[in-house]
PDB file of N, CA and C in Angstrom:
ATOM      1  N   MET A   1     -88.883 -27.501 -22.865  1.00  0.00           N
ATOM      2  CA  MET A   1     -87.596 -27.581 -22.277  1.00  0.00           C
ATOM      3  C   MET A   1     -87.632 -28.220 -20.930  1.00  0.00           C
ATOM      4  N   SER A   2     -86.811 -29.192 -20.667  1.00  0.00           N
ATOM      5  CA  SER A   2     -86.745 -29.859 -19.361  1.00  0.00           C
ATOM      6  C   SER A   2     -85.827 -29.060 -18.409  1.00  0.00           C
ATOM      7  N   ARG A   3     -86.225 -29.024 -17.180  1.00  0.00           N
ATOM      8  CA  ARG A   3     -85.409 -28.391 -16.155  1.00  0.00           C
ATOM      9  C   ARG A   3     -85.005 -29.451 -15.179  1.00  0.00           C
ATOM     10  N   ILE A   4     -83.800 -29.428 -14.675  1.00  0.00           N
ATOM     11  CA  ILE A   4     -83.321 -30.387 -13.700  1.00  0.00           C
ATOM     12  C   ILE A   4     -83.061 -29.633 -12.372  1.00  0.00           C
ATOM     13  N   MET A   5     -83.684 -30.206 -11.362  1.00  0.00           N
ATOM     14  CA  MET A   5     -83.565 -29.542 -10.030  1.00  0.00           C
ATOM     15  C   MET A   5     -82.889 -30.473  -9.038  1.00  0.00           C
ATOM     16  N   ALA A   6     -82.022 -29.931  -8.236  1.00  0.00           N
ATOM     17  CA  ALA A   6     -81.411 -30.670  -7.153  1.00  0.00           C
ATOM     18  C   ALA A   6     -82.325 -30.563  -5.902  1.00  0.00           C
ATOM     19  N   HIS A   7     -83.090 -31.609  -5.706  1.00  0.00           N
ATOM     20  CA  HIS A   7     -84.116 -31.646  -4.647  1.00  0.00           C
ATOM     21  C   HIS A   7     -83.435 -31.776  -3.285  1.00  0.00           C
ATOM     22  N   ARG A   8     -83.605 -30.756  -2.433  1.00  0.00           N
ATOM     23  CA  ARG A   8     -82.998 -30.671  -1.101  1.00  0.00           C
ATOM     24  C   ARG A   8     -81.493 -30.879  -1.165  1.00  0.00           C
ATOM     25  N   GLY A   9     -80.928 -30.285  -2.204  1.00  0.00           N
ATOM     26  CA  GLY A   9     -79.458 -30.343  -2.416  1.00  0.00           C
ATOM     27  C   GLY A   9     -78.974 -31.703  -2.860  1.00  0.00           C
ATOM     28  N   ALA A  10     -79.727 -32.385  -3.756  1.00  0.00           N
ATOM     29  CA  ALA A  10     -79.389 -33.697  -4.205  1.00  0.00           C
ATOM     30  C   ALA A  10     -79.249 -34.692  -3.053  1.00  0.00           C
ATOM     31  N   ARG A  11     -80.364 -34.779  -2.310  1.00  0.00           N
ATOM     32  CA  ARG A  11     -80.334 -35.566  -1.054  1.00  0.00           C
ATOM     33  C   ARG A  11     -80.033 -37.052  -1.192  1.00  0.00           C
ATOM     34  N   ASN A  12     -80.142 -37.578  -2.413  1.00  0.00           N
ATOM     35  CA  ASN A  12     -79.752 -38.982  -2.633  1.00  0.00           C
ATOM     36  C   ASN A  12     -78.258 -39.155  -2.753  1.00  0.00           C
ATOM     37  N   LEU A  13     -77.522 -38.075  -2.932  1.00  0.00           N
ATOM     38  CA  LEU A  13     -76.088 -38.089  -3.039  1.00  0.00           C
ATOM     39  C   LEU A  13     -75.338 -37.642  -1.793  1.00  0.00           C
ATOM     40  N   TRP A  14     -75.917 -36.597  -1.158  1.00  0.00           N
ATOM     41  CA  TRP A  14     -75.300 -35.944   0.047  1.00  0.00           C
ATOM     42  C   TRP A  14     -76.275 -35.652   1.119  1.00  0.00           C
ATOM     43  N   ALA A  15     -75.896 -35.426   2.288  1.00  0.00           N
ATOM     44  CA  ALA A  15     -76.793 -35.137   3.374  1.00  0.00           C
ATOM     45  C   ALA A  15     -77.826 -34.082   2.968  1.00  0.00           C
ATOM     46  N   GLU A  16     -79.049 -34.384   3.254  1.00  0.00           N
ATOM     47  CA  GLU A  16     -80.206 -33.567   2.849  1.00  0.00           C
ATOM     48  C   GLU A  16     -80.090 -32.130   3.390  1.00  0.00           C
ATOM     49  N   ASN A  17     -80.259 -31.108   2.523  1.00  0.00           N
ATOM     50  CA  ASN A  17     -80.243 -29.695   2.903  1.00  0.00           C
ATOM     51  C   ASN A  17     -79.014 -29.300   3.629  1.00  0.00           C
ATOM     52  N   SER A  18     -77.849 -29.935   3.239  1.00  0.00           N
ATOM     53  CA  SER A  18     -76.613 -29.572   3.930  1.00  0.00           C
ATOM     54  C   SER A  18     -75.778 -28.661   3.047  1.00  0.00           C
ATOM     55  N   MET A  19     -74.861 -27.949   3.664  1.00  0.00           N
ATOM     56  CA  MET A  19     -73.905 -27.123   2.908  1.00  0.00           C
ATOM     57  C   MET A  19     -73.081 -27.969   1.995  1.00  0.00           C
ATOM     58  N   LEU A  20     -72.733 -29.221   2.419  1.00  0.00           N
ATOM     59  CA  LEU A  20     -71.974 -30.165   1.571  1.00  0.00           C
ATOM     60  C   LEU A  20     -72.738 -30.422   0.312  1.00  0.00           C
ATOM     61  N   GLY A  21     -73.995 -30.718   0.405  1.00  0.00           N
ATOM     62  CA  GLY A  21     -74.837 -30.961  -0.761  1.00  0.00           C
ATOM     63  C   GLY A  21     -74.997 -29.743  -1.646  1.00  0.00           C
ATOM     64  N   PHE A  22     -75.272 -28.564  -1.074  1.00  0.00           N
ATOM     65  CA  PHE A  22     -75.409 -27.340  -1.860  1.00  0.00           C
ATOM     66  C   PHE A  22     -74.096 -26.985  -2.605  1.00  0.00           C
ATOM     67  N   ARG A  23     -72.991 -27.189  -1.946  1.00  0.00           N
ATOM     68  CA  ARG A  23     -71.714 -26.890  -2.589  1.00  0.00           C
ATOM     69  C   ARG A  23     -71.401 -27.892  -3.727  1.00  0.00           C
ATOM     70  N   ASN A  24     -71.716 -29.166  -3.465  1.00  0.00           N
ATOM     71  CA  ASN A  24     -71.351 -30.203  -4.447  1.00  0.00           C
ATOM     72  C   ASN A  24     -72.228 -30.217  -5.698  1.00  0.00           C
ATOM     73  N   ILE A  25     -73.383 -29.566  -5.627  1.00  0.00           N
ATOM     74  CA  ILE A  25     -74.275 -29.541  -6.828  1.00  0.00           C
ATOM     75  C   ILE A  25     -73.780 -28.533  -7.838  1.00  0.00           C
ATOM     76  N   LEU A  26     -73.049 -27.534  -7.414  1.00  0.00           N
ATOM     77  CA  LEU A  26     -72.629 -26.413  -8.286  1.00  0.00           C
ATOM     78  C   LEU A  26     -72.040 -26.881  -9.596  1.00  0.00           C
ATOM     79  N   PRO A  27     -71.031 -27.754  -9.606  1.00  0.00           N
ATOM     80  CA  PRO A  27     -70.445 -28.078 -10.894  1.00  0.00           C
ATOM     81  C   PRO A  27     -71.319 -28.994 -11.787  1.00  0.00           C
ATOM     82  N   HIS A  28     -72.431 -29.450 -11.326  1.00  0.00           N
ATOM     83  CA  HIS A  28     -73.266 -30.355 -12.098  1.00  0.00           C
ATOM     84  C   HIS A  28     -74.283 -29.697 -13.029  1.00  0.00           C
ATOM     85  N   GLY A  29     -74.401 -28.384 -12.945  1.00  0.00           N
ATOM     86  CA  GLY A  29     -75.235 -27.650 -13.867  1.00  0.00           C
ATOM     87  C   GLY A  29     -76.744 -27.796 -13.690  1.00  0.00           C
ATOM     88  N   PHE A  30     -77.170 -28.045 -12.434  1.00  0.00           N
ATOM     89  CA  PHE A  30     -78.610 -28.086 -12.161  1.00  0.00           C
ATOM     90  C   PHE A  30     -79.200 -26.740 -12.421  1.00  0.00           C
ATOM     91  N   ASP A  31     -80.472 -26.700 -12.872  1.00  0.00           N
ATOM     92  CA  ASP A  31     -81.178 -25.469 -13.155  1.00  0.00           C
ATOM     93  C   ASP A  31     -81.655 -24.785 -11.913  1.00  0.00           C
ATOM     94  N   ALA A  32     -81.882 -25.550 -10.842  1.00  0.00           N
ATOM     95  CA  ALA A  32     -82.400 -24.996  -9.596  1.00  0.00           C
ATOM     96  C   ALA A  32     -82.074 -25.942  -8.438  1.00  0.00           C
ATOM     97  N   VAL A  33     -82.136 -25.392  -7.248  1.00  0.00           N
ATOM     98  CA  VAL A  33     -82.042 -26.233  -6.051  1.00  0.00           C
ATOM     99  C   VAL A  33     -83.280 -25.922  -5.217  1.00  0.00           C
ATOM    100  N   GLU A  34     -83.886 -26.979  -4.631  1.00  0.00           N
ATOM    101  CA  GLU A  34     -85.073 -26.819  -3.826  1.00  0.00           C
ATOM    102  C   GLU A  34     -84.677 -27.064  -2.415  1.00  0.00           C
ATOM    103  N   PHE A  35     -85.161 -26.236  -1.484  1.00  0.00           N
ATOM    104  CA  PHE A  35     -84.932 -26.435  -0.059  1.00  0.00           C
ATOM    105  C   PHE A  35     -86.050 -25.789   0.729  1.00  0.00           C
ATOM    106  N   ASP A  36     -86.223 -26.225   1.959  1.00  0.00           N
ATOM    107  CA  ASP A  36     -87.292 -25.683   2.825  1.00  0.00           C
ATOM    108  C   ASP A  36     -86.672 -24.885   3.967  1.00  0.00           C
ATOM    109  N   VAL A  37     -87.353 -23.906   4.459  1.00  0.00           N
ATOM    110  CA  VAL A  37     -86.890 -22.996   5.543  1.00  0.00           C
ATOM    111  C   VAL A  37     -87.958 -22.989   6.641  1.00  0.00           C
ATOM    112  N   HIS A  38     -87.486 -23.211   7.860  1.00  0.00           N
ATOM    113  CA  HIS A  38     -88.378 -23.089   9.043  1.00  0.00           C
ATOM    114  C   HIS A  38     -87.855 -21.952   9.927  1.00  0.00           C
ATOM    115  N   LEU A  39     -88.754 -21.278  10.590  1.00  0.00           N
ATOM    116  CA  LEU A  39     -88.396 -20.188  11.529  1.00  0.00           C
ATOM    117  C   LEU A  39     -88.459 -20.741  12.963  1.00  0.00           C
ATOM    118  N   THR A  40     -87.430 -20.424  13.718  1.00  0.00           N
ATOM    119  CA  THR A  40     -87.414 -20.850  15.147  1.00  0.00           C
ATOM    120  C   THR A  40     -88.101 -19.763  15.984  1.00  0.00           C
ATOM    121  N   ASP A  41     -88.434 -20.182  17.192  1.00  0.00           N
ATOM    122  CA  ASP A  41     -88.983 -19.187  18.126  1.00  0.00           C
ATOM    123  C   ASP A  41     -88.022 -18.060  18.451  1.00  0.00           C
ATOM    124  N   ALA A  42     -86.700 -18.310  18.280  1.00  0.00           N
ATOM    125  CA  ALA A  42     -85.692 -17.312  18.501  1.00  0.00           C
ATOM    126  C   ALA A  42     -85.538 -16.335  17.308  1.00  0.00           C
ATOM    127  N   GLY A  43     -86.338 -16.639  16.204  1.00  0.00           N
ATOM    128  CA  GLY A  43     -86.283 -15.745  15.049  1.00  0.00           C
ATOM    129  C   GLY A  43     -85.216 -16.123  14.046  1.00  0.00           C
ATOM    130  N   GLU A  44     -84.659 -17.269  14.148  1.00  0.00           N
ATOM    131  CA  GLU A  44     -83.605 -17.704  13.171  1.00  0.00           C
ATOM    132  C   GLU A  44     -84.269 -18.593  12.149  1.00  0.00           C
ATOM    133  N   MET A  45     -83.776 -18.447  10.863  1.00  0.00           N
ATOM    134  CA  MET A  45     -84.235 -19.301   9.826  1.00  0.00           C
ATOM    135  C   MET A  45     -83.283 -20.528   9.725  1.00  0.00           C
ATOM    136  N   VAL A  46     -83.919 -21.709   9.598  1.00  0.00           N
ATOM    137  CA  VAL A  46     -83.206 -22.968   9.547  1.00  0.00           C
ATOM    138  C   VAL A  46     -83.558 -23.691   8.265  1.00  0.00           C
ATOM    139  N   VAL A  47     -82.584 -24.131   7.493  1.00  0.00           N
ATOM    140  CA  VAL A  47     -82.865 -24.848   6.294  1.00  0.00           C
ATOM    141  C   VAL A  47     -83.008 -26.332   6.615  1.00  0.00           C
ATOM    142  N   ILE A  48     -84.264 -26.780   6.651  1.00  0.00           N
ATOM    143  CA  ILE A  48     -84.576 -28.187   7.002  1.00  0.00           C
ATOM    144  C   ILE A  48     -85.951 -28.489   6.464  1.00  0.00           C
ATOM    145  N   HIS A  49     -86.178 -29.706   5.999  1.00  0.00           N
ATOM    146  CA  HIS A  49     -87.482 -30.126   5.431  1.00  0.00           C
ATOM    147  C   HIS A  49     -88.504 -30.427   6.489  1.00  0.00           C
ATOM    148  N   ASP A  50     -88.140 -31.216   7.495  1.00  0.00           N
ATOM    149  CA  ASP A  50     -89.036 -31.664   8.501  1.00  0.00           C
ATOM    150  C   ASP A  50     -89.344 -30.621   9.545  1.00  0.00           C
ATOM    151  N   ALA A  51     -90.415 -30.779  10.237  1.00  0.00           N
ATOM    152  CA  ALA A  51     -90.755 -29.879  11.381  1.00  0.00           C
ATOM    153  C   ALA A  51     -89.980 -30.256  12.654  1.00  0.00           C
ATOM    154  N   THR A  52     -89.377 -31.440  12.643  1.00  0.00           N
ATOM    155  CA  THR A  52     -88.543 -31.868  13.776  1.00  0.00           C
ATOM    156  C   THR A  52     -87.108 -32.132  13.301  1.00  0.00           C
ATOM    157  N   LEU A  53     -86.160 -32.137  14.218  1.00  0.00           N
ATOM    158  CA  LEU A  53     -84.778 -32.327  13.919  1.00  0.00           C
ATOM    159  C   LEU A  53     -84.377 -33.805  13.817  1.00  0.00           C
ATOM    160  N   ASP A  54     -85.176 -34.742  14.341  1.00  0.00           N
ATOM    161  CA  ASP A  54     -84.769 -36.105  14.562  1.00  0.00           C
ATOM    162  C   ASP A  54     -84.240 -36.897  13.348  1.00  0.00           C
ATOM    163  N   ARG A  55     -84.939 -36.764  12.223  1.00  0.00           N
ATOM    164  CA  ARG A  55     -84.557 -37.627  11.052  1.00  0.00           C
ATOM    165  C   ARG A  55     -83.294 -37.206  10.339  1.00  0.00           C
ATOM    166  N   THR A  56     -83.048 -35.906  10.250  1.00  0.00           N
ATOM    167  CA  THR A  56     -81.923 -35.465   9.377  1.00  0.00           C
ATOM    168  C   THR A  56     -80.780 -34.782  10.147  1.00  0.00           C
ATOM    169  N   THR A  57     -80.872 -34.705  11.487  1.00  0.00           N
ATOM    170  CA  THR A  57     -79.818 -34.029  12.214  1.00  0.00           C
ATOM    171  C   THR A  57     -79.427 -34.889  13.450  1.00  0.00           C
ATOM    172  N   THR A  58     -78.395 -34.418  14.138  1.00  0.00           N
ATOM    173  CA  THR A  58     -77.965 -35.079  15.340  1.00  0.00           C
ATOM    174  C   THR A  58     -78.769 -34.575  16.576  1.00  0.00           C
ATOM    175  N   GLY A  59     -79.668 -33.580  16.332  1.00  0.00           N
ATOM    176  CA  GLY A  59     -80.511 -33.064  17.384  1.00  0.00           C
ATOM    177  C   GLY A  59     -81.845 -33.784  17.465  1.00  0.00           C
ATOM    178  N   SER A  60     -82.708 -33.308  18.373  1.00  0.00           N
ATOM    179  CA  SER A  60     -84.054 -33.881  18.475  1.00  0.00           C
ATOM    180  C   SER A  60     -85.007 -32.785  18.916  1.00  0.00           C
ATOM    181  N   GLY A  61     -86.317 -32.999  18.595  1.00  0.00           N
ATOM    182  CA  GLY A  61     -87.334 -32.065  19.007  1.00  0.00           C
ATOM    183  C   GLY A  61     -87.755 -31.197  17.854  1.00  0.00           C
ATOM    184  N   PRO A  62     -88.711 -30.316  18.146  1.00  0.00           N
ATOM    185  CA  PRO A  62     -89.230 -29.417  17.106  1.00  0.00           C
ATOM    186  C   PRO A  62     -88.216 -28.334  16.641  1.00  0.00           C
ATOM    187  N   VAL A  63     -88.170 -28.078  15.362  1.00  0.00           N
ATOM    188  CA  VAL A  63     -87.290 -27.046  14.846  1.00  0.00           C
ATOM    189  C   VAL A  63     -87.599 -25.702  15.450  1.00  0.00           C
ATOM    190  N   ARG A  64     -88.883 -25.405  15.605  1.00  0.00           N
ATOM    191  CA  ARG A  64     -89.240 -24.042  16.125  1.00  0.00           C
ATOM    192  C   ARG A  64     -88.713 -23.823  17.528  1.00  0.00           C
ATOM    193  N   ALA A  65     -88.446 -24.911  18.293  1.00  0.00           N
ATOM    194  CA  ALA A  65     -87.941 -24.773  19.673  1.00  0.00           C
ATOM    195  C   ALA A  65     -86.445 -24.690  19.724  1.00  0.00           C
ATOM    196  N   LEU A  66     -85.774 -24.805  18.573  1.00  0.00           N
ATOM    197  CA  LEU A  66     -84.284 -24.835  18.519  1.00  0.00           C
ATOM    198  C   LEU A  66     -83.711 -23.452  18.954  1.00  0.00           C
ATOM    199  N   THR A  67     -82.835 -23.497  19.961  1.00  0.00           N
ATOM    200  CA  THR A  67     -82.192 -22.276  20.417  1.00  0.00           C
ATOM    201  C   THR A  67     -80.888 -22.058  19.607  1.00  0.00           C
ATOM    202  N   PRO A  68     -80.378 -20.895  19.549  1.00  0.00           N
ATOM    203  CA  PRO A  68     -79.141 -20.615  18.842  1.00  0.00           C
ATOM    204  C   PRO A  68     -77.977 -21.530  19.376  1.00  0.00           C
ATOM    205  N   GLU A  69     -77.932 -21.742  20.699  1.00  0.00           N
ATOM    206  CA  GLU A  69     -76.911 -22.583  21.245  1.00  0.00           C
ATOM    207  C   GLU A  69     -77.030 -24.031  20.795  1.00  0.00           C
ATOM    208  N   ALA A  70     -78.272 -24.529  20.809  1.00  0.00           N
ATOM    209  CA  ALA A  70     -78.497 -25.912  20.365  1.00  0.00           C
ATOM    210  C   ALA A  70     -78.248 -26.075  18.881  1.00  0.00           C
ATOM    211  N   ARG A  71     -78.563 -25.026  18.078  1.00  0.00           N
ATOM    212  CA  ARG A  71     -78.296 -25.081  16.648  1.00  0.00           C
ATOM    213  C   ARG A  71     -76.829 -25.196  16.382  1.00  0.00           C
ATOM    214  N   ALA A  72     -76.013 -24.482  17.137  1.00  0.00           N
ATOM    215  CA  ALA A  72     -74.566 -24.526  16.966  1.00  0.00           C
ATOM    216  C   ALA A  72     -73.984 -25.967  17.210  1.00  0.00           C
ATOM    217  N   ARG A  73     -74.672 -26.724  18.071  1.00  0.00           N
ATOM    218  CA  ARG A  73     -74.203 -28.075  18.372  1.00  0.00           C
ATOM    219  C   ARG A  73     -74.775 -29.134  17.411  1.00  0.00           C
ATOM    220  N   CYS A  74     -75.753 -28.747  16.616  1.00  0.00           N
ATOM    221  CA  CYS A  74     -76.491 -29.697  15.808  1.00  0.00           C
ATOM    222  C   CYS A  74     -75.756 -29.942  14.452  1.00  0.00           C
ATOM    223  N   GLY A  75     -75.700 -31.201  14.068  1.00  0.00           N
ATOM    224  CA  GLY A  75     -75.005 -31.541  12.810  1.00  0.00           C
ATOM    225  C   GLY A  75     -75.997 -32.293  11.880  1.00  0.00           C
ATOM    226  N   SER A  76     -75.609 -32.438  10.626  1.00  0.00           N
ATOM    227  CA  SER A  76     -76.384 -33.109   9.620  1.00  0.00           C
ATOM    228  C   SER A  76     -76.164 -34.634   9.799  1.00  0.00           C
ATOM    229  N   ARG A  77     -77.216 -35.375   9.373  1.00  0.00           N
ATOM    230  CA  ARG A  77     -77.121 -36.813   9.324  1.00  0.00           C
ATOM    231  C   ARG A  77     -77.372 -37.245   7.912  1.00  0.00           C
ATOM    232  N   GLY A  78     -76.869 -38.337   7.514  1.00  0.00           N
ATOM    233  CA  GLY A  78     -77.149 -38.795   6.129  1.00  0.00           C
ATOM    234  C   GLY A  78     -75.903 -39.058   5.336  1.00  0.00           C
ATOM    235  N   ARG A  79     -76.063 -39.086   4.080  1.00  0.00           N
ATOM    236  CA  ARG A  79     -74.991 -39.409   3.129  1.00  0.00           C
ATOM    237  C   ARG A  79     -73.877 -38.390   3.240  1.00  0.00           C
ATOM    238  N   THR A  80     -72.702 -38.848   2.993  1.00  0.00           N
ATOM    239  CA  THR A  80     -71.545 -37.952   2.857  1.00  0.00           C
ATOM    240  C   THR A  80     -71.084 -38.014   1.466  1.00  0.00           C
ATOM    241  N   ALA A  81     -70.141 -37.123   1.060  1.00  0.00           N
ATOM    242  CA  ALA A  81     -69.686 -37.108  -0.320  1.00  0.00           C
ATOM    243  C   ALA A  81     -69.100 -38.459  -0.743  1.00  0.00           C
ATOM    244  N   ARG A  82     -69.396 -38.826  -1.985  1.00  0.00           N
ATOM    245  CA  ARG A  82     -68.903 -40.065  -2.506  1.00  0.00           C
ATOM    246  C   ARG A  82     -67.596 -39.880  -3.184  1.00  0.00           C
TER     247      ARG A  82
END
């Protein structure tokens, strides 16, 4: 039996690891969704693939150094809903 997984929330369709991507995959019947979680020095869990914010967010620097205040200002980069 084949299983179909939405890798990082179907990152080729929507912003990688974004709530938009996770919400939009629901009606498509994927068997699973894959995502990565990093822990910040402040003890918060952040859903992001990279160890830095630069490629996929509007922030920059290491994920582990992200403060709660900086996280609140940080947005996703990448594809939007089609």
